[in-house]
């Protein structure tokens, strides 16, 4: 089984049909409603995150890697999803 990572996905408030797709492929840790977007903090495999962020209505700036010492580091998308440093 692939290691899971955490990411924050954003969808426009008027694209609520995507909410069900996020819940069906990711473990949703947090859901926040802002003025014009819904933010989802999720845990999923890198492949599932890549599938979600590849959709035109979903955006993701990066993901969070949990380390063995329980610290969390943010990785921007251009660092590559499956790579750890």
Protein backbone atom coordinates (compact mmCIF):
# COMPACT_ATOMS: atom_id res chain seq x y z
CA UNK A 1 0.00 0.00 0.00
CA UNK A 2 1.36 3.44 -0.95
CA UNK A 3 2.16 5.98 1.73
CA UNK A 4 -0.47 8.64 2.12
CA UNK A 5 0.23 12.34 2.07
CA UNK A 6 -1.81 15.35 3.11
CA UNK A 7 -2.84 18.13 0.76
CA UNK A 8 -5.18 21.09 0.71
CA UNK A 9 -7.56 21.12 -2.24
CA UNK A 10 -9.73 24.09 -3.22
CA UNK A 11 -12.92 24.03 -5.25
CA UNK A 12 -15.20 26.92 -6.18
CA UNK A 13 -18.36 27.08 -4.05
CA UNK A 14 -20.51 26.62 -7.15
CA UNK A 15 -18.84 23.25 -7.98
CA UNK A 16 -20.24 21.23 -5.08
CA UNK A 17 -20.58 18.10 -7.25
CA UNK A 18 -16.82 17.72 -6.83
CA UNK A 19 -17.25 17.44 -3.06
CA UNK A 20 -18.53 13.86 -3.37
CA UNK A 21 -15.62 12.90 -5.60
CA UNK A 22 -13.13 14.24 -3.06
CA UNK A 23 -14.85 12.33 -0.23
CA UNK A 24 -14.89 9.12 -2.29
CA UNK A 25 -11.15 9.16 -3.09
CA UNK A 26 -9.62 10.93 -0.09
CA UNK A 27 -9.84 10.89 3.67
CA UNK A 28 -11.16 14.40 4.40
CA UNK A 29 -9.51 15.78 7.54
CA UNK A 30 -11.03 19.26 7.39
CA UNK A 31 -13.54 21.17 5.28
CA UNK A 32 -13.72 24.97 5.44
CA UNK A 33 -16.02 27.31 3.57
CA UNK A 34 -14.58 30.68 2.57
CA UNK A 35 -16.16 33.47 0.54
CA UNK A 36 -15.86 31.85 -2.89
CA UNK A 37 -14.07 28.52 -2.35
CA UNK A 38 -14.26 25.42 -0.19
CA UNK A 39 -10.95 24.20 1.25
CA UNK A 40 -10.46 20.50 1.92
CA UNK A 41 -7.48 19.23 3.90
CA UNK A 42 -7.20 15.62 2.78
CA UNK A 43 -5.05 12.53 3.21
CA UNK A 44 -4.64 10.24 0.19
CA UNK A 45 -2.08 8.45 -1.93
CA UNK A 46 0.05 10.62 -4.22
CA UNK A 47 -1.77 9.13 -7.22
CA UNK A 48 -5.18 10.12 -5.82
CA UNK A 49 -3.97 13.66 -5.11
CA UNK A 50 -2.57 13.94 -8.64
CA UNK A 51 -5.91 12.79 -10.10
CA UNK A 52 -7.81 15.36 -8.07
CA UNK A 53 -5.48 18.26 -8.83
CA UNK A 54 -5.59 17.37 -12.54
CA UNK A 55 -9.26 18.34 -12.67
CA UNK A 56 -9.88 21.85 -14.01
CA UNK A 57 -12.13 22.89 -11.07
CA UNK A 58 -9.78 21.70 -8.31
CA UNK A 59 -6.63 23.55 -7.35
CA UNK A 60 -3.80 22.55 -5.08
CA UNK A 61 -0.64 24.54 -4.29
CA UNK A 62 1.22 21.64 -2.74
CA UNK A 63 0.98 18.95 -0.13
CA UNK A 64 2.15 18.17 3.36
CA UNK A 65 4.54 15.38 4.27
CA UNK A 66 4.29 14.02 7.80
CA UNK A 67 7.68 12.98 9.12
CA UNK A 68 8.52 10.30 11.65
CA UNK A 69 9.10 12.89 14.36
CA UNK A 70 5.49 14.14 13.83
CA UNK A 71 6.66 17.36 12.19
CA UNK A 72 4.98 18.36 8.94
CA UNK A 73 6.61 20.06 5.99
CA UNK A 74 4.96 21.73 3.01
CA UNK A 75 6.10 20.83 -0.50
CA UNK A 76 5.13 23.03 -3.48
CA UNK A 77 3.78 21.20 -6.52
CA UNK A 78 6.91 21.80 -8.58
CA UNK A 79 8.89 19.66 -6.11
CA UNK A 80 7.22 16.48 -7.42
CA UNK A 81 4.56 14.55 -5.53
CA UNK A 82 6.30 11.25 -4.96
CA UNK A 83 9.69 12.64 -4.04
CA UNK A 84 10.74 13.15 -0.45
CA UNK A 85 13.65 15.20 0.72
